[in-house]
Amino acid sequence: MLSQSQIQTFKNELLKQKEHIEERLNDPAFTPYSLRDSVDELSLADNHPGDLGTELFEREKDISLHEHLRNELDDVNTALQKIENGTYGICEVSGEEIPFERLQALPTAKAMIEHTHDQHISSSSIRYDRPVEEEVLNPPFSRDPKDRSMMYDAEDALQDVERYGNSQTPSDFEFNNIEEYGSTFTESYENVGYVEEFENFIGTDIYGNNRTVYPTKKHEQYEQDLDDYEEQALNGELSEIDVKDIEKY
C-alpha cells in the first residue's frame, strides 16, 4: 500500500510532467500547421517532387509528436484524477496494487506489467503482422547478400538505380579504367544483355549462318587483351589475377 508521502511524491512528479507537456503544446513553434502554412508558399506544386519532401516529413513528424504529447497529457490527467479519488496505484485489470518500482519508472501506469497489452502479443501475431508486400517478395528479391542467382537480384536493382548517378567519380576507383561518370556504378563492367564478351560484336543471320564480326571498341579491346595475354603467357608473366581475367573470355 502506498504511503501518503509516496503518493504526494508521485503527484508532484505528475504535476511537473503536466506543466512541461502543456508548455510544449502551447509553443507556437511546435504547433502542427498545415504544410501550406508552414512553408508560406502560394502553391505546393513545384518543379521537382522532392523539393518539398523535407517540409512534408517535418510536418508529419510534428503532427505525430503533437498527438503523442496529447495522449501523454491524457494519461497524466487520468493519474492525477485517480490520486484525488483514492484509486491511484491500483491495476485496472486485476484490481491488485501496482508495484512501487513500476510506478517509479512510469507514474502514469494503469496496470501491472503482466496485464499490459504488450504481454498479449503472441509470436504468431508478430509473424503475420508484416507488410503485405512481403507476400510476393520471393527470391530473387531476397535480402541475402550471398544470393548470386542469374536472375534479377538485389545487386541488379542497385546497379539500375546507380546508373542515374551517385556520389562517386572516376578518380575514386583504385584502377584507372573508368573513363566516364556513367560507368561509376557498382560493377559497371558487367555485361548487359549478353554473357560472353564476343557476343557483343559478332552476329549471324536469322538461320544462325554467315557469322559476322562488327568492329566496335569492345572488339578492339577484346583483341588487344587476347594479344597481351598471349604475349604474357609466352613469357611466363601471367599472374593469378590475369588468369581470372582470361576466364571471362
Protein backbone atom coordinates (compact mmCIF):
# COMPACT_ATOMS: atom_id res chain seq x y z
CA MET A 1 0.00 0.00 0.00
CA LEU A 2 1.41 3.38 -0.98
CA SER A 3 2.01 5.80 1.86
CA GLN A 4 0.78 9.39 1.77
CA SER A 5 4.33 10.67 1.29
CA GLN A 6 4.84 8.34 -1.68
CA ILE A 7 1.54 9.40 -3.24
CA GLN A 8 2.47 13.06 -2.74
CA THR A 9 5.83 12.44 -4.41
CA PHE A 10 4.10 10.88 -7.42
CA LYS A 11 1.62 13.75 -7.52
CA ASN A 12 4.39 16.34 -7.60
CA GLU A 13 6.13 14.43 -10.37
CA LEU A 14 2.90 14.21 -12.38
CA LEU A 15 2.22 17.94 -11.94
CA LYS A 16 5.70 18.78 -13.21
CA GLN A 17 5.18 16.46 -16.14
CA LYS A 18 1.82 18.06 -16.91
CA GLU A 19 3.30 21.56 -16.80
CA HIS A 20 6.09 20.53 -19.15
CA ILE A 21 3.70 18.90 -21.64
CA GLU A 22 1.33 21.86 -21.68
CA GLU A 23 4.26 24.20 -22.23
CA ARG A 24 5.30 22.14 -25.24
CA LEU A 25 1.79 22.01 -26.64
CA ASN A 26 1.36 25.78 -26.32
CA ASP A 27 4.65 26.56 -28.01
CA PRO A 28 3.82 28.35 -31.31
CA ALA A 29 6.92 26.90 -32.96
CA PHE A 30 5.67 23.39 -32.23
CA THR A 31 2.11 23.90 -33.47
CA PRO A 32 1.50 21.45 -36.35
CA TYR A 33 0.46 23.91 -39.04
CA SER A 34 -0.61 22.66 -42.42
CA LEU A 35 2.12 22.18 -44.99
CA ARG A 36 0.96 25.20 -46.99
CA ASP A 37 1.04 27.47 -43.90
CA SER A 38 4.40 26.17 -42.69
CA VAL A 39 6.26 26.85 -45.94
CA ASP A 40 4.37 30.09 -46.68
CA GLU A 41 4.13 29.33 -50.38
CA LEU A 42 1.33 30.14 -52.78
CA SER A 43 1.43 26.67 -54.29
CA LEU A 44 2.60 23.27 -53.14
CA ALA A 45 3.25 22.18 -56.73
CA ASP A 46 6.93 22.66 -57.54
CA ASN A 47 9.24 21.88 -60.42
CA HIS A 48 10.54 18.78 -58.67
CA PRO A 49 8.53 16.45 -56.42
CA GLY A 50 11.43 16.23 -53.96
CA ASP A 51 11.63 19.97 -53.28
CA LEU A 52 9.02 19.81 -50.52
CA GLY A 53 9.97 16.34 -49.31
CA THR A 54 11.79 17.64 -46.23
CA GLU A 55 8.97 20.00 -45.31
CA LEU A 56 6.40 17.24 -45.67
CA PHE A 57 8.47 14.96 -43.42
CA GLU A 58 8.78 17.69 -40.78
CA ARG A 59 5.02 18.33 -40.81
CA GLU A 60 4.28 14.63 -40.40
CA LYS A 61 6.81 14.37 -37.58
CA ASP A 62 5.38 17.40 -35.74
CA ILE A 63 1.84 16.05 -36.04
CA SER A 64 2.93 12.66 -34.65
CA LEU A 65 4.82 14.26 -31.75
CA HIS A 66 1.87 16.55 -31.04
CA GLU A 67 -0.52 13.61 -30.92
CA HIS A 68 1.89 11.68 -28.68
CA LEU A 69 2.02 14.60 -26.22
CA ARG A 70 -1.78 14.81 -26.22
CA ASN A 71 -2.04 11.13 -25.30
CA GLU A 72 0.65 11.56 -22.65
CA LEU A 73 -1.24 14.51 -21.16
CA ASP A 74 -4.43 12.43 -21.01
CA ASP A 75 -2.55 9.72 -19.09
CA VAL A 76 -1.17 12.30 -16.64
CA ASN A 77 -4.61 13.80 -16.03
CA THR A 78 -6.04 10.32 -15.50
CA ALA A 79 -3.34 9.53 -12.93
CA LEU A 80 -3.98 12.83 -11.07
CA GLN A 81 -7.71 12.09 -11.02
CA LYS A 82 -7.00 8.67 -9.51
CA ILE A 83 -4.94 10.30 -6.79
CA GLU A 84 -7.90 12.54 -5.94
CA ASN A 85 -10.39 9.67 -5.74
CA GLY A 86 -8.01 7.29 -3.96
CA THR A 87 -7.56 4.68 -6.72
CA TYR A 88 -4.04 5.58 -7.76
CA GLY A 89 -1.67 2.61 -8.00
CA ILE A 90 -4.46 0.05 -8.48
CA CYS A 91 -4.31 -2.20 -11.55
CA GLU A 92 -7.31 -1.59 -13.81
CA VAL A 93 -7.31 -5.24 -14.90
CA SER A 94 -6.75 -7.31 -11.77
CA GLY A 95 -7.54 -4.75 -9.05
CA GLU A 96 -4.21 -5.51 -7.36
CA GLU A 97 -1.65 -2.93 -6.28
CA ILE A 98 0.88 -1.91 -8.93
CA PRO A 99 4.45 -2.45 -7.66
CA PHE A 100 6.14 0.69 -6.36
CA GLU A 101 9.11 0.17 -8.70
CA ARG A 102 6.83 0.22 -11.75
CA LEU A 103 5.22 3.46 -10.63
CA GLN A 104 8.66 4.96 -10.12
CA ALA A 105 9.55 4.12 -13.72
CA LEU A 106 6.12 5.08 -15.11
CA PRO A 107 3.95 7.21 -12.78
CA THR A 108 1.07 7.05 -15.29
CA ALA A 109 0.96 3.23 -15.26
CA LYS A 110 -2.61 1.92 -15.33
CA ALA A 111 -1.92 -1.80 -14.92
CA MET A 112 0.66 -4.28 -13.73
CA ILE A 113 3.30 -5.22 -16.28
CA GLU A 114 1.84 -8.69 -16.80
CA HIS A 115 -1.55 -7.19 -17.71
CA THR A 116 -0.34 -4.69 -20.29
CA HIS A 117 -1.33 -5.23 -23.92
CA ASP A 118 2.30 -5.86 -24.89
CA GLN A 119 2.23 -9.10 -22.92
CA HIS A 120 -0.58 -10.48 -25.10
CA ILE A 121 1.28 -10.22 -28.41
CA SER A 122 1.92 -13.79 -29.49
CA SER A 123 4.69 -14.97 -31.77
CA SER A 124 2.11 -15.84 -34.41
CA SER A 125 0.72 -12.29 -34.48
CA ILE A 126 4.23 -10.91 -34.82
CA ARG A 127 4.91 -13.33 -37.65
CA TYR A 128 1.80 -12.37 -39.58
CA ASP A 129 1.83 -8.66 -38.77
CA ARG A 130 4.11 -7.93 -41.72
CA PRO A 131 3.83 -5.63 -44.76
CA VAL A 132 1.60 -7.11 -47.42
CA GLU A 133 4.38 -6.65 -50.00
CA GLU A 134 6.35 -9.45 -48.35
CA GLU A 135 3.74 -11.93 -49.54
CA VAL A 136 5.06 -11.58 -53.10
CA LEU A 137 8.70 -10.66 -52.41
CA ASN A 138 10.26 -14.02 -53.00
CA PRO A 139 13.73 -14.79 -54.39
CA PRO A 140 15.46 -13.37 -56.36
CA PHE A 141 14.34 -10.31 -54.37
CA SER A 142 15.74 -11.78 -51.17
CA ARG A 143 17.75 -9.90 -48.58
CA ASP A 144 20.57 -12.46 -48.66
CA PRO A 145 23.70 -10.69 -49.99
CA LYS A 146 25.14 -14.09 -50.92
CA ASP A 147 22.34 -14.72 -53.38
CA ARG A 148 24.23 -14.89 -56.69
CA SER A 149 21.49 -16.28 -58.88
CA MET A 150 21.41 -15.47 -62.59
CA MET A 151 18.00 -13.86 -62.18
CA TYR A 152 17.37 -10.19 -61.47
CA ASP A 153 18.53 -9.78 -57.87
CA ALA A 154 19.14 -7.02 -55.33
CA GLU A 155 22.53 -6.19 -56.82
CA ASP A 156 20.98 -5.67 -60.25
CA ALA A 157 18.40 -3.34 -58.70
CA LEU A 158 21.18 -1.30 -57.07
CA GLN A 159 23.03 -1.05 -60.38
CA ASP A 160 19.90 0.18 -62.15
CA VAL A 161 19.46 2.92 -59.56
CA GLU A 162 23.14 3.94 -59.56
CA ARG A 163 23.10 4.34 -63.33
CA TYR A 164 21.15 7.54 -62.73
CA GLY A 165 24.00 8.95 -60.66
CA ASN A 166 25.82 8.57 -57.36
CA SER A 167 28.47 10.38 -55.33
CA GLN A 168 31.44 8.56 -56.91
CA THR A 169 33.76 9.97 -59.54
CA PRO A 170 36.25 8.23 -61.88
CA SER A 171 39.09 9.27 -59.56
CA ASP A 172 37.55 7.32 -56.66
CA PHE A 173 38.34 3.95 -58.25
CA GLU A 174 41.51 2.04 -57.47
CA PHE A 175 42.10 1.12 -61.10
CA ASN A 176 42.03 3.89 -63.68
CA ASN A 177 39.80 2.02 -66.07
CA ILE A 178 36.79 4.27 -65.55
CA GLU A 179 36.62 6.84 -68.33
CA GLU A 180 33.22 8.44 -67.74
CA TYR A 181 30.80 9.22 -64.94
CA GLY A 182 28.23 6.90 -66.47
CA SER A 183 30.43 3.93 -65.51
CA THR A 184 30.92 4.77 -61.84
CA PHE A 185 28.17 2.49 -60.52
CA THR A 186 28.70 -0.87 -58.84
CA GLU A 187 30.36 -3.40 -61.18
CA SER A 188 29.63 -1.28 -64.24
CA TYR A 189 31.94 -3.50 -66.27
CA GLU A 190 29.41 -6.35 -66.16
CA ASN A 191 27.86 -7.33 -69.48
CA VAL A 192 24.27 -6.25 -70.06
CA GLY A 193 22.16 -8.33 -72.44
CA TYR A 194 24.86 -10.89 -73.16
CA VAL A 195 27.18 -13.28 -71.31
CA GLU A 196 30.38 -13.72 -73.27
CA GLU A 197 32.39 -10.70 -74.43
CA PHE A 198 32.41 -11.75 -78.08
CA GLU A 199 28.60 -11.81 -78.14
CA ASN A 200 28.71 -8.02 -78.16
CA PHE A 201 30.37 -7.72 -81.57
CA ILE A 202 29.53 -10.88 -83.52
CA GLY A 203 26.29 -11.86 -85.16
CA THR A 204 24.63 -14.26 -87.57
CA ASP A 205 21.68 -14.20 -89.85
CA ILE A 206 18.23 -15.42 -88.83
CA TYR A 207 19.26 -19.02 -89.54
CA GLY A 208 22.46 -18.88 -87.50
CA ASN A 209 24.72 -18.73 -90.54
CA ASN A 210 27.01 -16.09 -92.08
CA ARG A 211 28.89 -15.14 -88.98
CA THR A 212 29.91 -11.51 -88.98
CA VAL A 213 32.26 -9.51 -86.76
CA TYR A 214 31.21 -5.92 -86.19
CA PRO A 215 34.14 -3.58 -85.44
CA THR A 216 33.47 -1.82 -82.15
CA LYS A 217 35.51 -0.53 -79.24
CA LYS A 218 34.66 -3.72 -77.37
CA HIS A 219 36.02 -5.77 -80.25
CA GLU A 220 39.26 -3.77 -80.33
CA GLN A 221 39.71 -4.15 -76.58
CA TYR A 222 38.96 -7.87 -76.82
CA GLU A 223 41.60 -8.37 -79.49
CA GLN A 224 44.12 -6.28 -77.56
CA ASP A 225 43.53 -8.21 -74.35
CA LEU A 226 43.98 -11.54 -76.12
CA ASP A 227 47.25 -10.36 -77.69
CA ASP A 228 48.52 -9.14 -74.33
CA TYR A 229 47.58 -12.36 -72.57
CA GLU A 230 49.23 -14.45 -75.30
CA GLU A 231 52.45 -12.47 -75.01
CA GLN A 232 52.44 -12.69 -71.22
CA ALA A 233 51.76 -16.44 -71.38
CA LEU A 234 54.74 -16.99 -73.70
CA ASN A 235 56.94 -15.01 -71.34
CA GLY A 236 55.56 -16.73 -68.22
CA GLU A 237 54.36 -13.41 -66.80
CA LEU A 238 50.71 -14.27 -66.12
CA SER A 239 49.60 -13.76 -62.51
CA GLU A 240 46.62 -15.33 -60.76
CA ILE A 241 44.65 -12.14 -61.37
CA ASP A 242 45.44 -12.28 -65.09
CA VAL A 243 44.31 -15.91 -65.25
CA LYS A 244 40.97 -14.97 -63.67
CA ASP A 245 40.58 -12.19 -66.23
CA ILE A 246 41.17 -14.66 -69.05
CA GLU A 247 38.46 -16.96 -67.73
CA LYS A 248 35.78 -14.37 -68.51
CA TYR A 249 36.72 -14.60 -72.18
